[in-house]
């Protein structure tokens, strides 16, 4: 089964997510922003969610993560938890 490793930043609003995305596009460090702003407990690891396969995350998050190339950061993704920015850090083919 294909697996991906991703980090994410979880915030309450799309506006916050877009503000953080602008900072990332200006060269800010993803892990540092995750530690400072993310609402997820993974923030202590810079947002790292480790490896996961399909069916392990909520669908919108999973679809976005699996569509990314390694090193790429998603546009804001909405789930029932809030708004995520997802950075794909590694990929293992099936």
PDB file of N, CA and C in Angstrom:
ATOM      1  N   UNK A   1       0.838  -1.181   0.000  1.00  0.00           N
ATOM      2  CA  UNK A   1       0.000   0.000   0.000  1.00  0.00           C
ATOM      3  C   UNK A   1       0.887   1.250   0.000  1.00  0.00           C
ATOM      4  N   UNK A   2       0.512   2.200  -0.834  1.00  0.00           N
ATOM      5  CA  UNK A   2       1.226   3.478  -0.883  1.00  0.00           C
ATOM      6  C   UNK A   2       1.045   4.217   0.437  1.00  0.00           C
ATOM      7  N   UNK A   3       2.125   4.817   0.928  1.00  0.00           N
ATOM      8  CA  UNK A   3       2.064   5.616   2.154  1.00  0.00           C
ATOM      9  C   UNK A   3       2.731   6.953   1.905  1.00  0.00           C
ATOM     10  N   UNK A   4       2.275   7.951   2.631  1.00  0.00           N
ATOM     11  CA  UNK A   4       2.909   9.265   2.572  1.00  0.00           C
ATOM     12  C   UNK A   4       3.241   9.708   3.990  1.00  0.00           C
ATOM     13  N   UNK A   5       4.232  10.575   4.076  1.00  0.00           N
ATOM     14  CA  UNK A   5       4.559  11.229   5.342  1.00  0.00           C
ATOM     15  C   UNK A   5       4.306  12.711   5.135  1.00  0.00           C
ATOM     16  N   UNK A   6       3.524  13.274   6.035  1.00  0.00           N
ATOM     17  CA  UNK A   6       3.164  14.681   5.884  1.00  0.00           C
ATOM     18  C   UNK A   6       3.241  15.381   7.234  1.00  0.00           C
ATOM     19  N   UNK A   7       3.424  16.687   7.129  1.00  0.00           N
ATOM     20  CA  UNK A   7       3.307  17.563   8.284  1.00  0.00           C
ATOM     21  C   UNK A   7       2.141  18.495   7.999  1.00  0.00           C
ATOM     22  N   UNK A   8       1.533  19.017   9.052  1.00  0.00           N
ATOM     23  CA  UNK A   8       0.431  19.948   8.805  1.00  0.00           C
ATOM     24  C   UNK A   8       0.381  21.018   9.884  1.00  0.00           C
ATOM     25  N   UNK A   9      -0.318  22.086   9.527  1.00  0.00           N
ATOM     26  CA  UNK A   9      -0.631  23.164  10.452  1.00  0.00           C
ATOM     27  C   UNK A   9      -2.152  23.259  10.460  1.00  0.00           C
ATOM     28  N   UNK A  10      -2.750  23.150  11.630  1.00  0.00           N
ATOM     29  CA  UNK A  10      -4.203  23.215  11.783  1.00  0.00           C
ATOM     30  C   UNK A  10      -4.580  24.523  12.458  1.00  0.00           C
ATOM     31  N   UNK A  11      -5.464  25.286  11.795  1.00  0.00           N
ATOM     32  CA  UNK A  11      -5.964  26.546  12.362  1.00  0.00           C
ATOM     33  C   UNK A  11      -7.491  26.578  12.232  1.00  0.00           C
ATOM     34  N   UNK A  12      -8.116  27.567  12.878  1.00  0.00           N
ATOM     35  CA  UNK A  12      -9.581  27.621  12.906  1.00  0.00           C
ATOM     36  C   UNK A  12     -10.207  28.158  11.628  1.00  0.00           C
ATOM     37  N   UNK A  13      -9.539  29.117  10.965  1.00  0.00           N
ATOM     38  CA  UNK A  13     -10.196  29.800   9.840  1.00  0.00           C
ATOM     39  C   UNK A  13      -9.376  29.716   8.557  1.00  0.00           C
ATOM     40  N   UNK A  14     -10.082  29.849   7.452  1.00  0.00           N
ATOM     41  CA  UNK A  14      -9.421  29.883   6.148  1.00  0.00           C
ATOM     42  C   UNK A  14      -8.498  31.101   6.060  1.00  0.00           C
ATOM     43  N   UNK A  15      -8.918  32.203   6.654  1.00  0.00           N
ATOM     44  CA  UNK A  15      -8.105  33.421   6.645  1.00  0.00           C
ATOM     45  C   UNK A  15      -6.752  33.176   7.323  1.00  0.00           C
ATOM     46  N   UNK A  16      -6.772  32.521   8.487  1.00  0.00           N
ATOM     47  CA  UNK A  16      -5.513  32.198   9.176  1.00  0.00           C
ATOM     48  C   UNK A  16      -4.641  31.307   8.303  1.00  0.00           C
ATOM     49  N   UNK A  17      -5.254  30.308   7.678  1.00  0.00           N
ATOM     50  CA  UNK A  17      -4.504  29.390   6.819  1.00  0.00           C
ATOM     51  C   UNK A  17      -3.863  30.143   5.657  1.00  0.00           C
ATOM     52  N   UNK A  18      -4.609  31.054   5.049  1.00  0.00           N
ATOM     53  CA  UNK A  18      -4.056  31.834   3.932  1.00  0.00           C
ATOM     54  C   UNK A  18      -2.929  32.757   4.393  1.00  0.00           C
ATOM     55  N   UNK A  19      -3.066  33.333   5.588  1.00  0.00           N
ATOM     56  CA  UNK A  19      -1.998  34.183   6.133  1.00  0.00           C
ATOM     57  C   UNK A  19      -0.711  33.369   6.331  1.00  0.00           C
ATOM     58  N   UNK A  20      -0.858  32.159   6.882  1.00  0.00           N
ATOM     59  CA  UNK A  20       0.315  31.303   7.093  1.00  0.00           C
ATOM     60  C   UNK A  20       0.901  30.840   5.767  1.00  0.00           C
ATOM     61  N   UNK A  21       0.054  30.549   4.796  1.00  0.00           N
ATOM     62  CA  UNK A  21       0.543  30.144   3.481  1.00  0.00           C
ATOM     63  C   UNK A  21       1.372  31.270   2.851  1.00  0.00           C
ATOM     64  N   UNK A  22       0.933  32.500   3.023  1.00  0.00           N
ATOM     65  CA  UNK A  22       1.693  33.648   2.508  1.00  0.00           C
ATOM     66  C   UNK A  22       3.064  33.712   3.182  1.00  0.00           C
ATOM     67  N   UNK A  23       3.112  33.458   4.496  1.00  0.00           N
ATOM     68  CA  UNK A  23       4.398  33.457   5.206  1.00  0.00           C
ATOM     69  C   UNK A  23       5.302  32.343   4.677  1.00  0.00           C
ATOM     70  N   UNK A  24       4.716  31.169   4.428  1.00  0.00           N
ATOM     71  CA  UNK A  24       5.498  30.053   3.886  1.00  0.00           C
ATOM     72  C   UNK A  24       6.039  30.395   2.498  1.00  0.00           C
ATOM     73  N   UNK A  25       5.204  31.035   1.688  1.00  0.00           N
ATOM     74  CA  UNK A  25       5.638  31.424   0.335  1.00  0.00           C
ATOM     75  C   UNK A  25       6.739  32.476   0.382  1.00  0.00           C
ATOM     76  N   UNK A  26       6.816  33.209   1.491  1.00  0.00           N
ATOM     77  CA  UNK A  26       7.873  34.205   1.679  1.00  0.00           C
ATOM     78  C   UNK A  26       9.116  33.606   2.329  1.00  0.00           C
ATOM     79  N   UNK A  27       9.106  32.272   2.552  1.00  0.00           N
ATOM     80  CA  UNK A  27      10.298  31.606   3.055  1.00  0.00           C
ATOM     81  C   UNK A  27      10.280  31.204   4.517  1.00  0.00           C
ATOM     82  N   UNK A  28       9.139  31.379   5.200  1.00  0.00           N
ATOM     83  CA  UNK A  28       9.058  30.968   6.607  1.00  0.00           C
ATOM     84  C   UNK A  28       9.223  29.451   6.717  1.00  0.00           C
ATOM     85  N   UNK A  29       9.693  28.990   7.872  1.00  0.00           N
ATOM     86  CA  UNK A  29       9.909  27.564   8.116  1.00  0.00           C
ATOM     87  C   UNK A  29       8.595  26.899   8.537  1.00  0.00           C
ATOM     88  N   UNK A  30       8.225  25.829   7.828  1.00  0.00           N
ATOM     89  CA  UNK A  30       6.961  25.138   8.085  1.00  0.00           C
ATOM     90  C   UNK A  30       6.884  24.646   9.530  1.00  0.00           C
ATOM     91  N   UNK A  31       7.934  23.972   9.995  1.00  0.00           N
ATOM     92  CA  UNK A  31       7.942  23.418  11.344  1.00  0.00           C
ATOM     93  C   UNK A  31       7.805  24.483  12.422  1.00  0.00           C
ATOM     94  N   UNK A  32       8.469  25.620  12.215  1.00  0.00           N
ATOM     95  CA  UNK A  32       8.379  26.702  13.194  1.00  0.00           C
ATOM     96  C   UNK A  32       6.969  27.282  13.244  1.00  0.00           C
ATOM     97  N   UNK A  33       6.355  27.465  12.070  1.00  0.00           N
ATOM     98  CA  UNK A  33       4.981  27.981  12.048  1.00  0.00           C
ATOM     99  C   UNK A  33       4.022  26.973  12.683  1.00  0.00           C
ATOM    100  N   UNK A  34       4.252  25.689  12.439  1.00  0.00           N
ATOM    101  CA  UNK A  34       3.400  24.657  13.057  1.00  0.00           C
ATOM    102  C   UNK A  34       3.493  24.744  14.577  1.00  0.00           C
ATOM    103  N   UNK A  35       4.721  24.855  15.098  1.00  0.00           N
ATOM    104  CA  UNK A  35       4.901  24.927  16.546  1.00  0.00           C
ATOM    105  C   UNK A  35       4.212  26.151  17.136  1.00  0.00           C
ATOM    106  N   UNK A  36       4.236  27.249  16.400  1.00  0.00           N
ATOM    107  CA  UNK A  36       3.681  28.499  16.924  1.00  0.00           C
ATOM    108  C   UNK A  36       2.163  28.586  16.782  1.00  0.00           C
ATOM    109  N   UNK A  37       1.613  28.106  15.661  1.00  0.00           N
ATOM    110  CA  UNK A  37       0.209  28.377  15.344  1.00  0.00           C
ATOM    111  C   UNK A  37      -0.720  27.167  15.334  1.00  0.00           C
ATOM    112  N   UNK A  38      -0.222  25.963  15.137  1.00  0.00           N
ATOM    113  CA  UNK A  38      -1.106  24.814  14.951  1.00  0.00           C
ATOM    114  C   UNK A  38      -1.885  24.485  16.215  1.00  0.00           C
ATOM    115  N   UNK A  39      -3.129  24.048  16.027  1.00  0.00           N
ATOM    116  CA  UNK A  39      -3.991  23.630  17.125  1.00  0.00           C
ATOM    117  C   UNK A  39      -3.863  22.128  17.400  1.00  0.00           C
ATOM    118  N   UNK A  40      -3.116  21.419  16.572  1.00  0.00           N
ATOM    119  CA  UNK A  40      -2.966  19.970  16.697  1.00  0.00           C
ATOM    120  C   UNK A  40      -1.812  19.623  17.644  1.00  0.00           C
ATOM    121  N   UNK A  41      -1.955  18.550  18.438  1.00  0.00           N
ATOM    122  CA  UNK A  41      -0.843  18.132  19.302  1.00  0.00           C
ATOM    123  C   UNK A  41       0.451  17.834  18.531  1.00  0.00           C
ATOM    124  N   UNK A  42       0.335  17.537  17.229  1.00  0.00           N
ATOM    125  CA  UNK A  42       1.535  17.280  16.416  1.00  0.00           C
ATOM    126  C   UNK A  42       2.431  18.508  16.313  1.00  0.00           C
ATOM    127  N   UNK A  43       1.947  19.663  16.752  1.00  0.00           N
ATOM    128  CA  UNK A  43       2.743  20.891  16.639  1.00  0.00           C
ATOM    129  C   UNK A  43       4.075  20.770  17.360  1.00  0.00           C
ATOM    130  N   UNK A  44       4.119  19.976  18.432  1.00  0.00           N
ATOM    131  CA  UNK A  44       5.387  19.833  19.166  1.00  0.00           C
ATOM    132  C   UNK A  44       6.448  19.151  18.307  1.00  0.00           C
ATOM    133  N   UNK A  45       6.015  18.409  17.271  1.00  0.00           N
ATOM    134  CA  UNK A  45       6.937  17.782  16.317  1.00  0.00           C
ATOM    135  C   UNK A  45       6.995  18.560  15.010  1.00  0.00           C
ATOM    136  N   UNK A  46       6.668  19.841  15.061  1.00  0.00           N
ATOM    137  CA  UNK A  46       6.668  20.653  13.847  1.00  0.00           C
ATOM    138  C   UNK A  46       5.560  20.266  12.885  1.00  0.00           C
ATOM    139  N   UNK A  47       4.514  19.625  13.423  1.00  0.00           N
ATOM    140  CA  UNK A  47       3.375  19.231  12.597  1.00  0.00           C
ATOM    141  C   UNK A  47       3.499  17.857  11.976  1.00  0.00           C
ATOM    142  N   UNK A  48       4.593  17.142  12.256  1.00  0.00           N
ATOM    143  CA  UNK A  48       4.849  15.839  11.621  1.00  0.00           C
ATOM    144  C   UNK A  48       3.809  14.803  12.040  1.00  0.00           C
ATOM    145  N   UNK A  49       3.167  14.188  11.055  1.00  0.00           N
ATOM    146  CA  UNK A  49       2.161  13.148  11.296  1.00  0.00           C
ATOM    147  C   UNK A  49       2.697  11.749  11.014  1.00  0.00           C
ATOM    148  N   UNK A  50       3.985  11.631  10.698  1.00  0.00           N
ATOM    149  CA  UNK A  50       4.611  10.348  10.358  1.00  0.00           C
ATOM    150  C   UNK A  50       3.963   9.769   9.083  1.00  0.00           C
ATOM    151  N   UNK A  51       4.271   8.501   8.803  1.00  0.00           N
ATOM    152  CA  UNK A  51       3.711   7.865   7.610  1.00  0.00           C
ATOM    153  C   UNK A  51       2.279   7.405   7.856  1.00  0.00           C
ATOM    154  N   UNK A  52       1.436   7.550   6.848  1.00  0.00           N
ATOM    155  CA  UNK A  52       0.076   7.019   6.925  1.00  0.00           C
ATOM    156  C   UNK A  52      -0.365   6.564   5.538  1.00  0.00           C
ATOM    157  N   UNK A  53      -1.279   5.608   5.536  1.00  0.00           N
ATOM    158  CA  UNK A  53      -1.833   5.090   4.295  1.00  0.00           C
ATOM    159  C   UNK A  53      -3.236   5.615   4.075  1.00  0.00           C
ATOM    160  N   UNK A  54      -3.817   5.223   2.960  1.00  0.00           N
ATOM    161  CA  UNK A  54      -5.196   5.626   2.665  1.00  0.00           C
ATOM    162  C   UNK A  54      -6.139   5.031   3.707  1.00  0.00           C
ATOM    163  N   UNK A  55      -7.153   5.812   4.074  1.00  0.00           N
ATOM    164  CA  UNK A  55      -8.132   5.357   5.044  1.00  0.00           C
ATOM    165  C   UNK A  55      -7.769   5.688   6.484  1.00  0.00           C
ATOM    166  N   UNK A  56      -6.612   6.293   6.690  1.00  0.00           N
ATOM    167  CA  UNK A  56      -6.170   6.597   8.059  1.00  0.00           C
ATOM    168  C   UNK A  56      -6.455   8.045   8.465  1.00  0.00           C
ATOM    169  N   UNK A  57      -6.753   8.895   7.496  1.00  0.00           N
ATOM    170  CA  UNK A  57      -7.052  10.307   7.767  1.00  0.00           C
ATOM    171  C   UNK A  57      -8.424  10.631   7.182  1.00  0.00           C
ATOM    172  N   UNK A  58      -9.011  11.750   7.613  1.00  0.00           N
ATOM    173  CA  UNK A  58     -10.287  12.151   7.025  1.00  0.00           C
ATOM    174  C   UNK A  58     -10.091  12.414   5.536  1.00  0.00           C
ATOM    175  N   UNK A  59     -11.141  12.151   4.752  1.00  0.00           N
ATOM    176  CA  UNK A  59     -11.028  12.125   3.289  1.00  0.00           C
ATOM    177  C   UNK A  59     -10.441  13.406   2.669  1.00  0.00           C
ATOM    178  N   UNK A  60     -10.934  14.605   3.010  1.00  0.00           N
ATOM    179  CA  UNK A  60     -10.361  15.796   2.356  1.00  0.00           C
ATOM    180  C   UNK A  60      -8.859  15.940   2.613  1.00  0.00           C
ATOM    181  N   UNK A  61      -8.446  15.617   3.834  1.00  0.00           N
ATOM    182  CA  UNK A  61      -7.029  15.697   4.193  1.00  0.00           C
ATOM    183  C   UNK A  61      -6.234  14.660   3.410  1.00  0.00           C
ATOM    184  N   UNK A  62      -6.733  13.423   3.421  1.00  0.00           N
ATOM    185  CA  UNK A  62      -6.054  12.341   2.709  1.00  0.00           C
ATOM    186  C   UNK A  62      -5.921  12.647   1.220  1.00  0.00           C
ATOM    187  N   UNK A  63      -7.008  13.084   0.598  1.00  0.00           N
ATOM    188  CA  UNK A  63      -6.977  13.386  -0.836  1.00  0.00           C
ATOM    189  C   UNK A  63      -5.930  14.449  -1.155  1.00  0.00           C
ATOM    190  N   UNK A  64      -5.875  15.478  -0.327  1.00  0.00           N
ATOM    191  CA  UNK A  64      -4.900  16.553  -0.553  1.00  0.00           C
ATOM    192  C   UNK A  64      -3.476  16.046  -0.366  1.00  0.00           C
ATOM    193  N   UNK A  65      -3.244  15.289   0.704  1.00  0.00           N
ATOM    194  CA  UNK A  65      -1.888  14.803   0.997  1.00  0.00           C
ATOM    195  C   UNK A  65      -1.379  13.888  -0.117  1.00  0.00           C
ATOM    196  N   UNK A  66      -2.210  12.964  -0.571  1.00  0.00           N
ATOM    197  CA  UNK A  66      -1.773  12.018  -1.596  1.00  0.00           C
ATOM    198  C   UNK A  66      -1.606  12.672  -2.973  1.00  0.00           C
ATOM    199  N   UNK A  67      -2.190  13.851  -3.168  1.00  0.00           N
ATOM    200  CA  UNK A  67      -2.067  14.558  -4.451  1.00  0.00           C
ATOM    201  C   UNK A  67      -0.788  15.385  -4.540  1.00  0.00           C
ATOM    202  N   UNK A  68      -0.126  15.618  -3.408  1.00  0.00           N
ATOM    203  CA  UNK A  68       1.065  16.468  -3.387  1.00  0.00           C
ATOM    204  C   UNK A  68       2.311  15.721  -3.842  1.00  0.00           C
ATOM    205  N   UNK A  69       3.278  16.485  -4.315  1.00  0.00           N
ATOM    206  CA  UNK A  69       4.620  15.978  -4.574  1.00  0.00           C
ATOM    207  C   UNK A  69       5.454  16.248  -3.324  1.00  0.00           C
ATOM    208  N   UNK A  70       6.501  15.456  -3.111  1.00  0.00           N
ATOM    209  CA  UNK A  70       7.359  15.643  -1.938  1.00  0.00           C
ATOM    210  C   UNK A  70       7.910  17.075  -1.927  1.00  0.00           C
ATOM    211  N   UNK A  71       7.773  17.729  -0.781  1.00  0.00           N
ATOM    212  CA  UNK A  71       8.237  19.103  -0.618  1.00  0.00           C
ATOM    213  C   UNK A  71       7.178  20.147  -0.897  1.00  0.00           C
ATOM    214  N   UNK A  72       6.083  19.732  -1.518  1.00  0.00           N
ATOM    215  CA  UNK A  72       5.016  20.670  -1.886  1.00  0.00           C
ATOM    216  C   UNK A  72       4.095  20.927  -0.698  1.00  0.00           C
ATOM    217  N   UNK A  73       3.535  22.144  -0.643  1.00  0.00           N
ATOM    218  CA  UNK A  73       2.590  22.539   0.395  1.00  0.00           C
ATOM    219  C   UNK A  73       1.235  22.776  -0.253  1.00  0.00           C
ATOM    220  N   UNK A  74       0.187  22.247   0.371  1.00  0.00           N
ATOM    221  CA  UNK A  74      -1.166  22.365  -0.172  1.00  0.00           C
ATOM    222  C   UNK A  74      -1.726  23.770  -0.007  1.00  0.00           C
ATOM    223  N   UNK A  75      -2.752  24.045  -0.785  1.00  0.00           N
ATOM    224  CA  UNK A  75      -3.626  25.175  -0.490  1.00  0.00           C
ATOM    225  C   UNK A  75      -4.396  24.796   0.782  1.00  0.00           C
ATOM    226  N   UNK A  76      -5.047  25.749   1.448  1.00  0.00           N
ATOM    227  CA  UNK A  76      -5.815  25.389   2.642  1.00  0.00           C
ATOM    228  C   UNK A  76      -6.869  24.318   2.355  1.00  0.00           C
ATOM    229  N   UNK A  77      -6.954  23.332   3.257  1.00  0.00           N
ATOM    230  CA  UNK A  77      -7.879  22.209   3.132  1.00  0.00           C
ATOM    231  C   UNK A  77      -8.801  22.223   4.350  1.00  0.00           C
ATOM    232  N   UNK A  78     -10.117  22.210   4.101  1.00  0.00           N
ATOM    233  CA  UNK A  78     -11.066  22.240   5.210  1.00  0.00           C
ATOM    234  C   UNK A  78     -11.509  20.829   5.592  1.00  0.00           C
ATOM    235  N   UNK A  79     -11.499  20.548   6.897  1.00  0.00           N
ATOM    236  CA  UNK A  79     -12.066  19.320   7.443  1.00  0.00           C
ATOM    237  C   UNK A  79     -12.935  19.715   8.641  1.00  0.00           C
ATOM    238  N   UNK A  80     -13.543  18.720   9.289  1.00  0.00           N
ATOM    239  CA  UNK A  80     -14.351  19.029  10.476  1.00  0.00           C
ATOM    240  C   UNK A  80     -13.507  19.563  11.620  1.00  0.00           C
ATOM    241  N   UNK A  81     -12.173  19.445  11.533  1.00  0.00           N
ATOM    242  CA  UNK A  81     -11.286  19.916  12.594  1.00  0.00           C
ATOM    243  C   UNK A  81     -10.880  21.375  12.417  1.00  0.00           C
ATOM    244  N   UNK A  82     -11.018  21.896  11.204  1.00  0.00           N
ATOM    245  CA  UNK A  82     -10.594  23.253  10.900  1.00  0.00           C
ATOM    246  C   UNK A  82      -9.947  23.302   9.528  1.00  0.00           C
ATOM    247  N   UNK A  83      -8.972  24.193   9.384  1.00  0.00           N
ATOM    248  CA  UNK A  83      -8.276  24.393   8.106  1.00  0.00           C
ATOM    249  C   UNK A  83      -6.834  23.937   8.249  1.00  0.00           C
ATOM    250  N   UNK A  84      -6.382  23.156   7.285  1.00  0.00           N
ATOM    251  CA  UNK A  84      -5.035  22.582   7.310  1.00  0.00           C
ATOM    252  C   UNK A  84      -4.193  23.119   6.162  1.00  0.00           C
ATOM    253  N   UNK A  85      -2.913  23.307   6.440  1.00  0.00           N
ATOM    254  CA  UNK A  85      -1.892  23.414   5.404  1.00  0.00           C
ATOM    255  C   UNK A  85      -1.092  22.132   5.539  1.00  0.00           C
ATOM    256  N   UNK A  86      -0.904  21.431   4.435  1.00  0.00           N
ATOM    257  CA  UNK A  86      -0.250  20.128   4.460  1.00  0.00           C
ATOM    258  C   UNK A  86       1.030  20.195   3.638  1.00  0.00           C
ATOM    259  N   UNK A  87       2.115  19.719   4.227  1.00  0.00           N
ATOM    260  CA  UNK A  87       3.384  19.624   3.500  1.00  0.00           C
ATOM    261  C   UNK A  87       3.759  18.147   3.401  1.00  0.00           C
ATOM    262  N   UNK A  88       3.916  17.680   2.164  1.00  0.00           N
ATOM    263  CA  UNK A  88       4.316  16.289   1.962  1.00  0.00           C
ATOM    264  C   UNK A  88       5.842  16.186   2.128  1.00  0.00           C
ATOM    265  N   UNK A  89       6.273  15.311   3.026  1.00  0.00           N
ATOM    266  CA  UNK A  89       7.713  15.210   3.300  1.00  0.00           C
ATOM    267  C   UNK A  89       8.330  13.932   2.758  1.00  0.00           C
ATOM    268  N   UNK A  90       7.518  12.909   2.491  1.00  0.00           N
ATOM    269  CA  UNK A  90       8.073  11.654   1.948  1.00  0.00           C
ATOM    270  C   UNK A  90       6.931  10.822   1.383  1.00  0.00           C
ATOM    271  N   UNK A  91       7.290   9.882   0.502  1.00  0.00           N
ATOM    272  CA  UNK A  91       6.290   9.030  -0.132  1.00  0.00           C
ATOM    273  C   UNK A  91       6.908   7.646  -0.323  1.00  0.00           C
ATOM    274  N   UNK A  92       6.152   6.611   0.013  1.00  0.00           N
ATOM    275  CA  UNK A  92       6.568   5.226  -0.227  1.00  0.00           C
ATOM    276  C   UNK A  92       5.564   4.599  -1.175  1.00  0.00           C
ATOM    277  N   UNK A  93       6.042   4.125  -2.305  1.00  0.00           N
ATOM    278  CA  UNK A  93       5.145   3.470  -3.255  1.00  0.00           C
ATOM    279  C   UNK A  93       4.736   2.115  -2.725  1.00  0.00           C
ATOM    280  N   UNK A  94       3.619   1.619  -3.210  1.00  0.00           N
ATOM    281  CA  UNK A  94       3.092   0.311  -2.775  1.00  0.00           C
ATOM    282  C   UNK A  94       4.095  -0.784  -3.048  1.00  0.00           C
TER     283      UNK A  94
END
